[in-house]
């Protein structure tokens, strides 16, 4: 795939992931709906805390789309998703793998947008000089 097509694919994937994180994941944390309190208590979070978590999630989803902030935002998003995995594993929720997939897709999207990410991740270690 040519570099320009990779970059376009990366931007599209980044936009889709950000839209998902904002509208399908963060947005419900800001609104009241039936069963929200019970669900959050099962996960071990209060509704006040979940509001703050939603704010962080939406903020990271936006930062991922800003080229100068994308790398650090993806690192922080990975940490955030690690917390989501831990939360779901703790209560034996079988959907714990979903945040892992989202994290992998976030890194793939960033790597397609910026080839330095893949170059850094998959480069060969430098050979040791022979004496």
N, C-alpha and C. Protein backbone atom coordinates (compact mmCIF):
# COMPACT_ATOMS: atom_id res chain seq x y z
N UNK A 1 0.86 -1.18 0.00
CA UNK A 1 0.00 0.00 0.00
C UNK A 1 0.90 1.24 0.00
N UNK A 2 0.59 2.18 -0.85
CA UNK A 2 1.39 3.40 -0.93
C UNK A 2 1.21 4.22 0.34
N UNK A 3 2.22 5.04 0.60
CA UNK A 3 2.24 5.83 1.82
C UNK A 3 1.01 6.72 1.99
N UNK A 4 0.57 7.37 0.91
CA UNK A 4 -0.59 8.25 0.98
C UNK A 4 -1.86 7.46 1.31
N UNK A 5 -2.00 6.29 0.72
CA UNK A 5 -3.18 5.45 1.00
C UNK A 5 -3.14 4.94 2.45
N UNK A 6 -1.94 4.64 2.93
CA UNK A 6 -1.81 4.21 4.33
C UNK A 6 -2.21 5.33 5.27
N UNK A 7 -1.77 6.53 4.95
CA UNK A 7 -2.10 7.68 5.80
C UNK A 7 -3.61 7.92 5.81
N UNK A 8 -4.24 7.84 4.65
CA UNK A 8 -5.69 8.02 4.58
C UNK A 8 -6.40 6.94 5.39
N UNK A 9 -5.96 5.69 5.23
CA UNK A 9 -6.55 4.59 6.01
C UNK A 9 -6.37 4.83 7.50
N UNK A 10 -5.20 5.32 7.89
CA UNK A 10 -4.94 5.61 9.30
C UNK A 10 -5.83 6.71 9.84
N UNK A 11 -6.03 7.76 9.05
CA UNK A 11 -6.91 8.85 9.47
C UNK A 11 -8.35 8.39 9.58
N UNK A 12 -8.79 7.58 8.63
CA UNK A 12 -10.17 7.06 8.67
C UNK A 12 -10.35 6.19 9.91
N UNK A 13 -9.41 5.29 10.15
CA UNK A 13 -9.49 4.42 11.32
C UNK A 13 -9.44 5.23 12.62
N UNK A 14 -8.59 6.24 12.66
CA UNK A 14 -8.52 7.11 13.84
C UNK A 14 -9.85 7.83 14.08
N UNK A 15 -10.44 8.33 13.00
CA UNK A 15 -11.71 9.04 13.13
C UNK A 15 -12.83 8.11 13.58
N UNK A 16 -12.86 6.90 13.05
CA UNK A 16 -13.89 5.93 13.45
C UNK A 16 -13.72 5.56 14.92
N UNK A 17 -12.48 5.29 15.34
CA UNK A 17 -12.23 4.95 16.75
C UNK A 17 -12.59 6.11 17.67
N UNK A 18 -12.20 7.32 17.29
CA UNK A 18 -12.53 8.48 18.12
C UNK A 18 -14.03 8.68 18.22
N UNK A 19 -14.73 8.53 17.10
CA UNK A 19 -16.19 8.67 17.11
C UNK A 19 -16.82 7.61 18.01
N UNK A 20 -16.31 6.38 17.93
CA UNK A 20 -16.83 5.32 18.80
C UNK A 20 -16.59 5.67 20.26
N UNK A 21 -15.36 6.09 20.59
CA UNK A 21 -15.04 6.39 21.98
C UNK A 21 -15.88 7.55 22.52
N UNK A 22 -16.12 8.56 21.69
CA UNK A 22 -16.89 9.71 22.14
C UNK A 22 -18.38 9.40 22.23
N UNK A 23 -18.94 8.86 21.16
CA UNK A 23 -20.40 8.72 21.09
C UNK A 23 -20.94 7.42 21.70
N UNK A 24 -20.21 6.33 21.58
CA UNK A 24 -20.74 5.06 22.09
C UNK A 24 -20.23 4.72 23.48
N UNK A 25 -19.07 5.25 23.85
CA UNK A 25 -18.50 4.89 25.15
C UNK A 25 -18.53 6.04 26.16
N UNK A 26 -18.06 7.23 25.77
CA UNK A 26 -18.01 8.35 26.72
C UNK A 26 -19.38 8.99 26.93
N UNK A 27 -20.14 9.17 25.87
CA UNK A 27 -21.42 9.87 25.97
C UNK A 27 -22.36 9.24 27.02
N UNK A 28 -22.51 7.92 27.06
CA UNK A 28 -23.39 7.35 28.09
C UNK A 28 -22.92 7.62 29.53
N UNK A 29 -21.65 7.95 29.68
CA UNK A 29 -21.14 8.26 31.02
C UNK A 29 -21.62 9.64 31.49
N UNK A 30 -22.06 10.48 30.55
CA UNK A 30 -22.51 11.84 30.87
C UNK A 30 -24.02 11.96 31.06
N UNK A 31 -24.76 10.98 30.60
CA UNK A 31 -26.23 11.07 30.67
C UNK A 31 -26.77 10.01 31.63
N UNK A 32 -27.96 10.27 32.13
CA UNK A 32 -28.63 9.30 33.00
C UNK A 32 -29.46 8.34 32.16
N UNK A 33 -29.42 7.08 32.50
CA UNK A 33 -30.25 6.08 31.84
C UNK A 33 -30.56 4.98 32.84
N UNK A 34 -31.62 4.29 32.57
CA UNK A 34 -32.09 3.26 33.49
C UNK A 34 -31.04 2.16 33.65
N UNK A 35 -30.70 1.86 34.87
CA UNK A 35 -29.73 0.82 35.18
C UNK A 35 -28.29 1.28 35.23
N UNK A 36 -28.05 2.56 34.98
CA UNK A 36 -26.67 3.07 34.98
C UNK A 36 -26.01 2.91 36.34
N UNK A 37 -26.72 3.32 37.40
CA UNK A 37 -26.14 3.26 38.74
C UNK A 37 -25.78 1.82 39.11
N UNK A 38 -26.67 0.89 38.83
CA UNK A 38 -26.43 -0.52 39.17
C UNK A 38 -25.24 -1.07 38.37
N UNK A 39 -25.19 -0.72 37.08
CA UNK A 39 -24.09 -1.21 36.24
C UNK A 39 -22.75 -0.67 36.74
N UNK A 40 -22.71 0.61 37.07
CA UNK A 40 -21.47 1.21 37.53
C UNK A 40 -21.06 0.65 38.89
N UNK A 41 -22.02 0.38 39.75
CA UNK A 41 -21.71 -0.23 41.04
C UNK A 41 -21.14 -1.63 40.85
N UNK A 42 -21.68 -2.38 39.86
CA UNK A 42 -21.15 -3.71 39.56
C UNK A 42 -19.70 -3.61 39.11
N UNK A 43 -19.39 -2.56 38.34
CA UNK A 43 -18.01 -2.35 37.88
C UNK A 43 -17.11 -1.79 38.98
N UNK A 44 -17.73 -1.30 40.06
CA UNK A 44 -16.96 -0.76 41.18
C UNK A 44 -16.74 0.73 41.11
N UNK A 45 -17.55 1.44 40.34
CA UNK A 45 -17.41 2.89 40.18
C UNK A 45 -18.68 3.60 40.63
N UNK A 46 -18.51 4.80 41.17
CA UNK A 46 -19.67 5.63 41.49
C UNK A 46 -20.05 6.43 40.24
N UNK A 47 -21.25 6.96 40.20
CA UNK A 47 -21.67 7.75 39.04
C UNK A 47 -20.85 9.04 38.94
N UNK A 48 -20.39 9.57 40.08
CA UNK A 48 -19.54 10.76 40.04
C UNK A 48 -18.19 10.45 39.39
N UNK A 49 -17.63 9.31 39.74
CA UNK A 49 -16.35 8.90 39.17
C UNK A 49 -16.49 8.60 37.68
N UNK A 50 -17.57 7.96 37.30
CA UNK A 50 -17.75 7.58 35.90
C UNK A 50 -17.86 8.82 35.02
N UNK A 51 -18.41 9.92 35.55
CA UNK A 51 -18.45 11.17 34.80
C UNK A 51 -17.04 11.65 34.49
N UNK A 52 -16.15 11.57 35.47
CA UNK A 52 -14.75 11.99 35.28
C UNK A 52 -14.05 11.06 34.29
N UNK A 53 -14.34 9.78 34.38
CA UNK A 53 -13.75 8.82 33.45
C UNK A 53 -14.20 9.12 32.02
N UNK A 54 -15.47 9.46 31.85
CA UNK A 54 -15.98 9.83 30.53
C UNK A 54 -15.30 11.06 29.97
N UNK A 55 -15.02 12.02 30.84
CA UNK A 55 -14.33 13.24 30.43
C UNK A 55 -12.93 12.91 29.93
N UNK A 56 -12.21 12.06 30.64
CA UNK A 56 -10.87 11.65 30.23
C UNK A 56 -10.94 10.91 28.90
N UNK A 57 -11.88 10.01 28.78
CA UNK A 57 -12.03 9.22 27.55
C UNK A 57 -12.31 10.11 26.34
N UNK A 58 -13.24 11.03 26.47
CA UNK A 58 -13.57 11.94 25.37
C UNK A 58 -12.37 12.83 25.04
N UNK A 59 -11.68 13.30 26.05
CA UNK A 59 -10.51 14.14 25.81
C UNK A 59 -9.42 13.41 25.05
N UNK A 60 -9.15 12.18 25.44
CA UNK A 60 -8.13 11.39 24.74
C UNK A 60 -8.56 11.09 23.31
N UNK A 61 -9.85 10.82 23.11
CA UNK A 61 -10.35 10.54 21.76
C UNK A 61 -10.15 11.74 20.84
N UNK A 62 -10.28 12.93 21.39
CA UNK A 62 -10.05 14.15 20.61
C UNK A 62 -8.55 14.36 20.37
N UNK A 63 -7.74 14.17 21.40
CA UNK A 63 -6.29 14.38 21.27
C UNK A 63 -5.65 13.44 20.26
N UNK A 64 -6.18 12.23 20.13
CA UNK A 64 -5.66 11.27 19.16
C UNK A 64 -5.73 11.83 17.74
N UNK A 65 -6.67 12.72 17.50
CA UNK A 65 -6.85 13.29 16.16
C UNK A 65 -5.97 14.51 15.90
N UNK A 66 -5.26 14.98 16.89
CA UNK A 66 -4.38 16.14 16.72
C UNK A 66 -2.96 15.62 16.48
N UNK A 67 -2.41 15.86 15.27
CA UNK A 67 -1.12 15.25 14.92
C UNK A 67 -0.01 15.43 15.95
N UNK A 68 0.17 16.62 16.49
CA UNK A 68 1.26 16.84 17.45
C UNK A 68 1.03 16.12 18.78
N UNK A 69 -0.20 15.82 19.10
CA UNK A 69 -0.53 15.17 20.37
C UNK A 69 -0.84 13.69 20.21
N UNK A 70 -0.90 13.21 18.98
CA UNK A 70 -1.40 11.85 18.72
C UNK A 70 -0.60 10.77 19.41
N UNK A 71 0.73 10.87 19.40
CA UNK A 71 1.54 9.81 20.00
C UNK A 71 1.29 9.71 21.50
N UNK A 72 1.44 10.82 22.21
CA UNK A 72 1.24 10.78 23.67
C UNK A 72 -0.21 10.45 24.00
N UNK A 73 -1.15 10.91 23.17
CA UNK A 73 -2.56 10.59 23.41
C UNK A 73 -2.80 9.09 23.25
N UNK A 74 -2.13 8.46 22.30
CA UNK A 74 -2.29 7.02 22.11
C UNK A 74 -1.67 6.25 23.26
N UNK A 75 -0.54 6.73 23.77
CA UNK A 75 0.06 6.11 24.96
C UNK A 75 -0.91 6.21 26.14
N UNK A 76 -1.47 7.40 26.36
CA UNK A 76 -2.41 7.59 27.47
C UNK A 76 -3.70 6.81 27.26
N UNK A 77 -4.17 6.74 26.01
CA UNK A 77 -5.36 5.95 25.71
C UNK A 77 -5.12 4.47 26.01
N UNK A 78 -3.92 4.00 25.71
CA UNK A 78 -3.56 2.61 26.01
C UNK A 78 -3.61 2.36 27.53
N UNK A 79 -3.11 3.31 28.30
CA UNK A 79 -3.17 3.19 29.76
C UNK A 79 -4.62 3.19 30.24
N UNK A 80 -5.42 4.09 29.68
CA UNK A 80 -6.84 4.16 30.02
C UNK A 80 -7.52 2.82 29.72
N UNK A 81 -7.26 2.28 28.54
CA UNK A 81 -7.88 1.01 28.15
C UNK A 81 -7.39 -0.15 29.02
N UNK A 82 -6.14 -0.04 29.49
CA UNK A 82 -5.64 -1.06 30.43
C UNK A 82 -6.46 -1.06 31.71
N UNK A 83 -6.85 0.12 32.16
CA UNK A 83 -7.73 0.21 33.33
C UNK A 83 -9.09 -0.39 33.05
N UNK A 84 -9.59 -0.20 31.84
CA UNK A 84 -10.87 -0.79 31.46
C UNK A 84 -10.78 -2.31 31.46
N UNK A 85 -9.68 -2.84 30.95
CA UNK A 85 -9.48 -4.29 30.95
C UNK A 85 -9.46 -4.80 32.39
N UNK A 86 -8.70 -4.14 33.25
CA UNK A 86 -8.60 -4.56 34.66
C UNK A 86 -9.97 -4.53 35.34
N UNK A 87 -10.75 -3.49 35.06
CA UNK A 87 -12.08 -3.37 35.66
C UNK A 87 -12.96 -4.55 35.25
N UNK A 88 -12.92 -4.91 33.98
CA UNK A 88 -13.77 -6.00 33.49
C UNK A 88 -13.25 -7.38 33.94
N UNK A 89 -11.94 -7.55 33.99
CA UNK A 89 -11.38 -8.82 34.45
C UNK A 89 -11.72 -9.04 35.92
N UNK A 90 -11.67 -7.97 36.72
CA UNK A 90 -11.94 -8.06 38.15
C UNK A 90 -13.32 -8.62 38.45
N UNK A 91 -14.30 -8.30 37.59
CA UNK A 91 -15.66 -8.80 37.83
C UNK A 91 -16.00 -10.01 36.94
N UNK A 92 -14.97 -10.59 36.32
CA UNK A 92 -15.13 -11.76 35.45
C UNK A 92 -16.06 -11.50 34.27
N UNK A 93 -15.99 -10.30 33.72
CA UNK A 93 -16.78 -9.95 32.54
C UNK A 93 -16.08 -10.49 31.30
N UNK A 94 -16.75 -11.33 30.51
CA UNK A 94 -16.09 -11.92 29.34
C UNK A 94 -15.77 -10.93 28.23
N UNK A 95 -16.26 -9.71 28.31
CA UNK A 95 -15.97 -8.73 27.26
C UNK A 95 -14.70 -7.94 27.54
N UNK A 96 -13.84 -8.45 28.43
CA UNK A 96 -12.61 -7.75 28.79
C UNK A 96 -11.68 -7.55 27.60
N UNK A 97 -11.80 -8.38 26.57
CA UNK A 97 -10.91 -8.30 25.42
C UNK A 97 -11.20 -7.09 24.52
N UNK A 98 -12.39 -6.53 24.61
CA UNK A 98 -12.77 -5.44 23.72
C UNK A 98 -11.86 -4.22 23.84
N UNK A 99 -11.53 -3.74 25.07
CA UNK A 99 -10.59 -2.62 25.16
C UNK A 99 -9.20 -2.96 24.59
N UNK A 100 -8.81 -4.22 24.64
CA UNK A 100 -7.53 -4.63 24.06
C UNK A 100 -7.57 -4.42 22.55
N UNK A 101 -8.66 -4.84 21.92
CA UNK A 101 -8.81 -4.67 20.48
C UNK A 101 -8.81 -3.19 20.11
N UNK A 102 -9.50 -2.37 20.88
CA UNK A 102 -9.54 -0.93 20.62
C UNK A 102 -8.12 -0.35 20.72
N UNK A 103 -7.35 -0.76 21.71
CA UNK A 103 -5.98 -0.29 21.86
C UNK A 103 -5.09 -0.69 20.68
N UNK A 104 -5.23 -1.92 20.25
CA UNK A 104 -4.45 -2.38 19.09
C UNK A 104 -4.82 -1.57 17.85
N UNK A 105 -6.10 -1.36 17.64
CA UNK A 105 -6.55 -0.58 16.49
C UNK A 105 -6.05 0.87 16.56
N UNK A 106 -5.99 1.43 17.76
CA UNK A 106 -5.49 2.80 17.92
C UNK A 106 -4.02 2.88 17.49
N UNK A 107 -3.22 1.88 17.87
CA UNK A 107 -1.81 1.89 17.48
C UNK A 107 -1.64 1.62 15.99
N UNK A 108 -2.45 0.74 15.44
CA UNK A 108 -2.39 0.50 13.99
C UNK A 108 -2.75 1.77 13.23
N UNK A 109 -3.81 2.45 13.68
CA UNK A 109 -4.21 3.70 13.03
C UNK A 109 -3.09 4.73 13.09
N UNK A 110 -2.46 4.87 14.25
CA UNK A 110 -1.38 5.83 14.38
C UNK A 110 -0.19 5.43 13.52
N UNK A 111 0.12 4.14 13.47
CA UNK A 111 1.23 3.66 12.65
C UNK A 111 0.99 3.88 11.16
N UNK A 112 -0.25 3.78 10.73
CA UNK A 112 -0.57 4.06 9.33
C UNK A 112 -0.45 5.55 9.04
N UNK A 113 -0.82 6.38 10.00
CA UNK A 113 -0.72 7.84 9.83
C UNK A 113 0.72 8.32 9.88
N UNK A 114 1.52 7.71 10.75
CA UNK A 114 2.90 8.13 10.95
C UNK A 114 3.80 6.89 10.91
N UNK A 115 4.46 6.64 9.78
CA UNK A 115 5.27 5.42 9.62
C UNK A 115 6.39 5.28 10.65
N UNK A 116 6.78 6.36 11.31
CA UNK A 116 7.82 6.27 12.34
C UNK A 116 7.40 5.36 13.48
N UNK A 117 6.09 5.27 13.73
CA UNK A 117 5.60 4.41 14.82
C UNK A 117 5.93 2.95 14.52
N UNK A 118 5.61 2.49 13.31
CA UNK A 118 5.92 1.11 12.94
C UNK A 118 7.43 0.89 12.83
N UNK A 119 8.14 1.88 12.31
CA UNK A 119 9.59 1.75 12.19
C UNK A 119 10.24 1.59 13.56
N UNK A 120 9.77 2.35 14.53
CA UNK A 120 10.32 2.25 15.88
C UNK A 120 9.93 0.93 16.54
N UNK A 121 8.70 0.52 16.36
CA UNK A 121 8.21 -0.69 17.02
C UNK A 121 8.82 -1.96 16.45
N UNK A 122 9.10 -1.97 15.15
CA UNK A 122 9.51 -3.21 14.50
C UNK A 122 10.93 -3.20 13.94
N UNK A 123 11.73 -2.24 14.36
CA UNK A 123 13.11 -2.20 13.86
C UNK A 123 13.93 -3.27 14.52
N UNK A 124 14.96 -3.68 13.83
CA UNK A 124 15.88 -4.65 14.40
C UNK A 124 16.76 -3.96 15.44
N UNK A 125 17.08 -4.66 16.51
CA UNK A 125 17.99 -4.05 17.47
C UNK A 125 19.37 -3.89 16.82
N UNK A 126 20.10 -2.87 17.21
CA UNK A 126 21.42 -2.67 16.62
C UNK A 126 22.33 -3.85 16.95
N UNK A 127 23.13 -4.22 15.96
CA UNK A 127 24.05 -5.34 16.20
C UNK A 127 25.20 -4.87 17.10
N UNK A 128 25.67 -5.79 17.90
CA UNK A 128 26.77 -5.47 18.81
C UNK A 128 28.08 -5.46 18.02
N UNK A 129 28.90 -4.45 18.27
CA UNK A 129 30.18 -4.40 17.56
C UNK A 129 31.08 -5.55 18.02
N UNK A 130 31.74 -6.15 17.07
CA UNK A 130 32.66 -7.24 17.44
C UNK A 130 34.03 -6.65 17.72
N UNK A 131 34.66 -7.17 18.73
CA UNK A 131 35.99 -6.67 19.13
C UNK A 131 37.07 -7.54 18.61
